[in-house]
Amino acid sequence: MTDFKIGTPVSWKSSCTQKSGVIIAIVPPGKTPYEISPEYRRLGTATPRDHTSYIVSGGAKNRRKTLYWPRTSLLKPQKSLTESERKWCEANPELIRRLMNNNINFVTTPRA
């Protein structure tokens, strides 16, 4: 099982919906989110888990941000773009749009 840190971007699939967000709190084994902080009472008073779990702020694509307490086994770290990849994307917005609209699957090398 992966140990995540606060601020780590993660994704998971729940109810056939891909969700993503950022870890905002760590819940120790044997505790519930509400026991960590009353502000997490919206997550309910579910049975404590026997392993470290995480509270995530995020949600499904194009939905408002909300709090989740997903199963730790479903969480996967999200890969972030490097600074040079981000700059390349900013410099090539039309190519990015074409790739996304046509679902083209090829790799190009960023120009220096």
N, C-alpha and C. Protein backbone atom coordinates (compact mmCIF):
# COMPACT_ATOMS: atom_id res chain seq x y z
N MET A 1 0.84 -1.18 0.00
CA MET A 1 0.00 0.00 0.00
C MET A 1 0.89 1.25 0.00
N THR A 2 0.51 2.22 -0.79
CA THR A 2 1.28 3.45 -0.92
C THR A 2 0.98 4.40 0.23
N ASP A 3 2.02 5.01 0.76
CA ASP A 3 1.83 6.07 1.76
C ASP A 3 1.84 7.40 1.04
N PHE A 4 0.78 8.17 1.20
CA PHE A 4 0.67 9.47 0.56
C PHE A 4 0.92 10.57 1.58
N LYS A 5 1.29 11.74 1.09
CA LYS A 5 1.50 12.91 1.93
C LYS A 5 0.43 13.95 1.63
N ILE A 6 0.21 14.85 2.57
CA ILE A 6 -0.74 15.94 2.34
C ILE A 6 -0.25 16.75 1.14
N GLY A 7 -1.17 17.08 0.24
CA GLY A 7 -0.82 17.82 -0.97
C GLY A 7 -0.60 16.95 -2.19
N THR A 8 -0.59 15.61 -2.02
CA THR A 8 -0.37 14.71 -3.14
C THR A 8 -1.62 14.63 -4.01
N PRO A 9 -1.50 14.87 -5.33
CA PRO A 9 -2.65 14.69 -6.21
C PRO A 9 -2.90 13.20 -6.44
N VAL A 10 -4.15 12.77 -6.31
CA VAL A 10 -4.50 11.36 -6.47
C VAL A 10 -5.74 11.24 -7.34
N SER A 11 -5.97 10.02 -7.84
CA SER A 11 -7.19 9.73 -8.57
C SER A 11 -7.68 8.36 -8.13
N TRP A 12 -8.98 8.10 -8.36
CA TRP A 12 -9.58 6.82 -8.03
C TRP A 12 -10.88 6.70 -8.80
N LYS A 13 -11.40 5.49 -8.87
CA LYS A 13 -12.67 5.26 -9.55
C LYS A 13 -13.68 4.83 -8.50
N SER A 14 -14.83 5.50 -8.49
CA SER A 14 -15.88 5.21 -7.53
C SER A 14 -17.23 5.31 -8.23
N SER A 15 -18.07 4.31 -8.05
CA SER A 15 -19.39 4.29 -8.69
C SER A 15 -19.28 4.54 -10.19
N CYS A 16 -18.34 3.89 -10.82
CA CYS A 16 -18.11 3.99 -12.27
C CYS A 16 -17.75 5.40 -12.72
N THR A 17 -17.29 6.24 -11.80
CA THR A 17 -16.90 7.60 -12.14
C THR A 17 -15.45 7.83 -11.73
N GLN A 18 -14.65 8.30 -12.67
CA GLN A 18 -13.27 8.63 -12.37
C GLN A 18 -13.23 9.94 -11.59
N LYS A 19 -12.58 9.93 -10.44
CA LYS A 19 -12.50 11.12 -9.61
C LYS A 19 -11.04 11.43 -9.35
N SER A 20 -10.78 12.69 -9.00
CA SER A 20 -9.41 13.09 -8.68
C SER A 20 -9.47 14.22 -7.67
N GLY A 21 -8.37 14.42 -7.00
CA GLY A 21 -8.30 15.48 -6.01
C GLY A 21 -6.94 15.51 -5.35
N VAL A 22 -6.87 16.22 -4.25
CA VAL A 22 -5.62 16.39 -3.51
C VAL A 22 -5.84 15.94 -2.07
N ILE A 23 -4.90 15.21 -1.54
CA ILE A 23 -4.99 14.76 -0.15
C ILE A 23 -4.85 15.97 0.77
N ILE A 24 -5.84 16.14 1.67
CA ILE A 24 -5.81 17.29 2.57
C ILE A 24 -5.65 16.88 4.03
N ALA A 25 -5.83 15.56 4.34
CA ALA A 25 -5.67 15.10 5.72
C ALA A 25 -5.38 13.61 5.73
N ILE A 26 -4.69 13.18 6.77
CA ILE A 26 -4.36 11.77 6.97
C ILE A 26 -5.14 11.28 8.18
N VAL A 27 -5.84 10.15 8.01
CA VAL A 27 -6.64 9.57 9.09
C VAL A 27 -5.90 8.33 9.61
N PRO A 28 -5.45 8.34 10.86
CA PRO A 28 -4.73 7.19 11.41
C PRO A 28 -5.62 5.95 11.51
N PRO A 29 -5.03 4.76 11.57
CA PRO A 29 -5.83 3.54 11.73
C PRO A 29 -6.68 3.63 13.00
N GLY A 30 -7.91 3.11 12.93
CA GLY A 30 -8.78 3.09 14.08
C GLY A 30 -9.53 4.39 14.33
N LYS A 31 -9.35 5.39 13.47
CA LYS A 31 -10.02 6.69 13.62
C LYS A 31 -10.94 6.93 12.43
N THR A 32 -11.90 7.83 12.64
CA THR A 32 -12.76 8.28 11.54
C THR A 32 -12.41 9.73 11.25
N PRO A 33 -12.78 10.24 10.08
CA PRO A 33 -12.50 11.64 9.78
C PRO A 33 -13.06 12.60 10.83
N TYR A 34 -14.25 12.30 11.34
CA TYR A 34 -14.87 13.17 12.34
C TYR A 34 -14.02 13.25 13.61
N GLU A 35 -13.34 12.15 13.96
CA GLU A 35 -12.48 12.16 15.15
C GLU A 35 -11.22 12.99 14.92
N ILE A 36 -10.85 13.20 13.66
CA ILE A 36 -9.69 14.02 13.33
C ILE A 36 -10.07 15.49 13.46
N SER A 37 -11.23 15.84 12.92
CA SER A 37 -11.71 17.22 12.97
C SER A 37 -13.21 17.24 12.73
N PRO A 38 -13.96 17.99 13.55
CA PRO A 38 -15.41 18.07 13.35
C PRO A 38 -15.81 18.63 11.98
N GLU A 39 -14.90 19.36 11.33
CA GLU A 39 -15.25 19.89 10.00
C GLU A 39 -15.45 18.78 8.97
N TYR A 40 -15.02 17.57 9.28
CA TYR A 40 -15.18 16.45 8.36
C TYR A 40 -16.45 15.64 8.67
N ARG A 41 -17.37 16.18 9.44
CA ARG A 41 -18.57 15.45 9.81
C ARG A 41 -19.43 15.10 8.60
N ARG A 42 -19.29 15.86 7.50
CA ARG A 42 -20.04 15.54 6.28
C ARG A 42 -19.69 14.17 5.73
N LEU A 43 -18.53 13.67 6.10
CA LEU A 43 -18.11 12.36 5.62
C LEU A 43 -18.79 11.23 6.37
N GLY A 44 -19.59 11.57 7.36
CA GLY A 44 -20.35 10.56 8.10
C GLY A 44 -19.57 9.97 9.25
N THR A 45 -20.21 9.04 9.91
CA THR A 45 -19.60 8.37 11.06
C THR A 45 -19.41 6.91 10.74
N ALA A 46 -18.78 6.63 9.63
CA ALA A 46 -18.54 5.26 9.19
C ALA A 46 -17.64 4.52 10.18
N THR A 47 -17.54 3.23 9.99
CA THR A 47 -16.68 2.41 10.83
C THR A 47 -15.22 2.80 10.58
N PRO A 48 -14.43 2.96 11.64
CA PRO A 48 -13.01 3.28 11.46
C PRO A 48 -12.32 2.19 10.64
N ARG A 49 -11.34 2.58 9.89
CA ARG A 49 -10.58 1.62 9.07
C ARG A 49 -9.36 1.15 9.84
N ASP A 50 -8.91 -0.05 9.53
CA ASP A 50 -7.78 -0.63 10.27
C ASP A 50 -6.43 -0.27 9.65
N HIS A 51 -6.43 0.69 8.78
CA HIS A 51 -5.19 1.14 8.13
C HIS A 51 -5.26 2.66 7.96
N THR A 52 -4.12 3.26 7.65
CA THR A 52 -4.08 4.69 7.38
C THR A 52 -4.95 4.99 6.17
N SER A 53 -5.77 6.02 6.27
CA SER A 53 -6.61 6.43 5.14
C SER A 53 -6.47 7.94 4.95
N TYR A 54 -7.12 8.46 3.93
CA TYR A 54 -6.88 9.84 3.52
C TYR A 54 -8.18 10.56 3.20
N ILE A 55 -8.22 11.84 3.51
CA ILE A 55 -9.34 12.69 3.12
C ILE A 55 -8.87 13.47 1.89
N VAL A 56 -9.70 13.44 0.86
CA VAL A 56 -9.35 14.05 -0.42
C VAL A 56 -10.35 15.16 -0.75
N SER A 57 -9.82 16.30 -1.18
CA SER A 57 -10.66 17.38 -1.69
C SER A 57 -10.59 17.32 -3.20
N GLY A 58 -11.73 17.13 -3.83
CA GLY A 58 -11.74 17.03 -5.29
C GLY A 58 -13.06 16.48 -5.74
N GLY A 59 -13.04 15.73 -6.80
CA GLY A 59 -14.27 15.12 -7.27
C GLY A 59 -14.21 14.73 -8.72
N ALA A 60 -15.38 14.45 -9.27
CA ALA A 60 -15.48 14.08 -10.67
C ALA A 60 -15.19 15.29 -11.54
N LYS A 61 -14.76 15.03 -12.75
CA LYS A 61 -14.44 16.12 -13.68
C LYS A 61 -15.65 17.02 -13.89
N ASN A 62 -15.42 18.31 -13.92
CA ASN A 62 -16.46 19.32 -14.15
C ASN A 62 -17.51 19.41 -13.04
N ARG A 63 -17.18 18.96 -11.86
CA ARG A 63 -18.10 19.08 -10.72
C ARG A 63 -17.44 19.95 -9.67
N ARG A 64 -18.25 20.48 -8.76
CA ARG A 64 -17.69 21.32 -7.71
C ARG A 64 -16.85 20.47 -6.76
N LYS A 65 -15.90 21.11 -6.10
CA LYS A 65 -15.02 20.42 -5.16
C LYS A 65 -15.82 19.95 -3.95
N THR A 66 -15.50 18.76 -3.50
CA THR A 66 -16.16 18.21 -2.32
C THR A 66 -15.15 17.34 -1.58
N LEU A 67 -15.50 16.89 -0.38
CA LEU A 67 -14.62 16.05 0.42
C LEU A 67 -14.98 14.59 0.23
N TYR A 68 -13.96 13.74 0.18
CA TYR A 68 -14.13 12.30 0.04
C TYR A 68 -13.23 11.59 1.03
N TRP A 69 -13.64 10.39 1.41
CA TRP A 69 -12.83 9.48 2.22
C TRP A 69 -12.75 8.16 1.47
N PRO A 70 -12.03 8.14 0.34
CA PRO A 70 -12.03 6.94 -0.52
C PRO A 70 -11.24 5.79 0.11
N ARG A 71 -11.53 4.61 -0.36
CA ARG A 71 -10.76 3.43 0.05
C ARG A 71 -9.30 3.63 -0.38
N THR A 72 -8.40 3.42 0.54
CA THR A 72 -6.98 3.63 0.26
C THR A 72 -6.50 2.75 -0.89
N SER A 73 -7.02 1.55 -0.98
CA SER A 73 -6.59 0.62 -2.04
C SER A 73 -6.94 1.12 -3.44
N LEU A 74 -7.90 2.04 -3.55
CA LEU A 74 -8.30 2.58 -4.85
C LEU A 74 -7.48 3.79 -5.29
N LEU A 75 -6.77 4.42 -4.34
CA LEU A 75 -6.03 5.65 -4.65
C LEU A 75 -4.79 5.37 -5.47
N LYS A 76 -4.58 6.20 -6.48
CA LYS A 76 -3.38 6.12 -7.31
C LYS A 76 -2.79 7.52 -7.43
N PRO A 77 -1.48 7.64 -7.29
CA PRO A 77 -0.89 8.98 -7.45
C PRO A 77 -1.10 9.47 -8.88
N GLN A 78 -1.37 10.75 -9.01
CA GLN A 78 -1.52 11.36 -10.34
C GLN A 78 -0.19 11.92 -10.77
N LYS A 79 0.19 11.62 -11.98
CA LYS A 79 1.44 12.15 -12.50
C LYS A 79 1.23 13.61 -12.89
N SER A 80 2.11 14.45 -12.41
CA SER A 80 2.07 15.86 -12.77
C SER A 80 3.04 16.13 -13.90
N LEU A 81 2.74 17.16 -14.68
CA LEU A 81 3.66 17.56 -15.74
C LEU A 81 4.90 18.21 -15.15
N THR A 82 6.03 17.96 -15.79
CA THR A 82 7.25 18.66 -15.39
C THR A 82 7.15 20.10 -15.89
N GLU A 83 8.00 20.96 -15.42
CA GLU A 83 7.99 22.36 -15.84
C GLU A 83 8.21 22.48 -17.34
N SER A 84 9.15 21.69 -17.90
CA SER A 84 9.40 21.78 -19.35
C SER A 84 8.21 21.24 -20.15
N GLU A 85 7.53 20.21 -19.65
CA GLU A 85 6.34 19.70 -20.33
C GLU A 85 5.21 20.74 -20.31
N ARG A 86 5.04 21.39 -19.18
CA ARG A 86 4.01 22.41 -19.06
C ARG A 86 4.28 23.57 -20.03
N LYS A 87 5.55 24.00 -20.12
CA LYS A 87 5.91 25.09 -21.03
C LYS A 87 5.67 24.69 -22.47
N TRP A 88 5.99 23.43 -22.81
CA TRP A 88 5.78 22.96 -24.17
C TRP A 88 4.29 22.99 -24.50
N CYS A 89 3.44 22.55 -23.57
CA CYS A 89 2.00 22.56 -23.78
C CYS A 89 1.49 23.98 -23.97
N GLU A 90 2.00 24.91 -23.19
CA GLU A 90 1.60 26.31 -23.32
C GLU A 90 2.03 26.89 -24.66
N ALA A 91 3.16 26.42 -25.18
CA ALA A 91 3.68 26.93 -26.45
C ALA A 91 2.99 26.27 -27.65
N ASN A 92 2.26 25.18 -27.44
CA ASN A 92 1.64 24.45 -28.54
C ASN A 92 0.15 24.17 -28.28
N PRO A 93 -0.63 25.19 -27.98
CA PRO A 93 -2.03 24.94 -27.63
C PRO A 93 -2.85 24.35 -28.78
N GLU A 94 -2.57 24.76 -30.01
CA GLU A 94 -3.35 24.26 -31.14
C GLU A 94 -3.11 22.76 -31.34
N LEU A 95 -1.87 22.33 -31.21
CA LEU A 95 -1.55 20.91 -31.33
C LEU A 95 -2.24 20.12 -30.22
N ILE A 96 -2.24 20.64 -29.01
CA ILE A 96 -2.90 19.98 -27.89
C ILE A 96 -4.39 19.83 -28.19
N ARG A 97 -5.02 20.90 -28.70
CA ARG A 97 -6.45 20.83 -29.03
C ARG A 97 -6.73 19.78 -30.10
N ARG A 98 -5.88 19.75 -31.14
CA ARG A 98 -6.06 18.76 -32.20
C ARG A 98 -5.92 17.35 -31.66
N LEU A 99 -4.92 17.14 -30.81
CA LEU A 99 -4.71 15.82 -30.23
C LEU A 99 -5.91 15.40 -29.39
N MET A 100 -6.41 16.31 -28.59
CA MET A 100 -7.54 15.99 -27.72
C MET A 100 -8.82 15.75 -28.53
N ASN A 101 -9.06 16.56 -29.55
CA ASN A 101 -10.28 16.42 -30.34
C ASN A 101 -10.27 15.19 -31.23
N ASN A 102 -9.11 14.80 -31.71
CA ASN A 102 -9.01 13.66 -32.62
C ASN A 102 -8.56 12.39 -31.93
N ASN A 103 -8.26 12.49 -30.65
CA ASN A 103 -7.78 11.35 -29.88
C ASN A 103 -6.59 10.68 -30.56
N ILE A 104 -5.69 11.49 -31.08
CA ILE A 104 -4.49 10.98 -31.75
C ILE A 104 -3.51 10.52 -30.68
N ASN A 105 -2.90 9.37 -30.91
CA ASN A 105 -2.00 8.80 -29.92
C ASN A 105 -0.59 8.71 -30.52
N PHE A 106 0.17 9.79 -30.39
CA PHE A 106 1.58 9.76 -30.79
C PHE A 106 2.36 10.69 -29.90
N VAL A 107 3.67 10.48 -29.91
CA VAL A 107 4.54 11.25 -29.03
C VAL A 107 5.44 12.14 -29.86
N THR A 108 5.61 13.39 -29.46
CA THR A 108 6.55 14.27 -30.12
C THR A 108 7.57 14.72 -29.10
N THR A 109 8.71 15.14 -29.57
CA THR A 109 9.75 15.61 -28.68
C THR A 109 9.67 17.12 -28.56
N PRO A 110 9.63 17.65 -27.34
CA PRO A 110 9.60 19.11 -27.19
C PRO A 110 10.84 19.76 -27.78
N ARG A 111 10.65 20.92 -28.41
CA ARG A 111 11.79 21.65 -28.96
C ARG A 111 12.42 22.47 -27.85
N ALA A 112 13.73 22.58 -27.95
CA ALA A 112 14.46 23.36 -26.92
C ALA A 112 14.31 24.83 -27.16
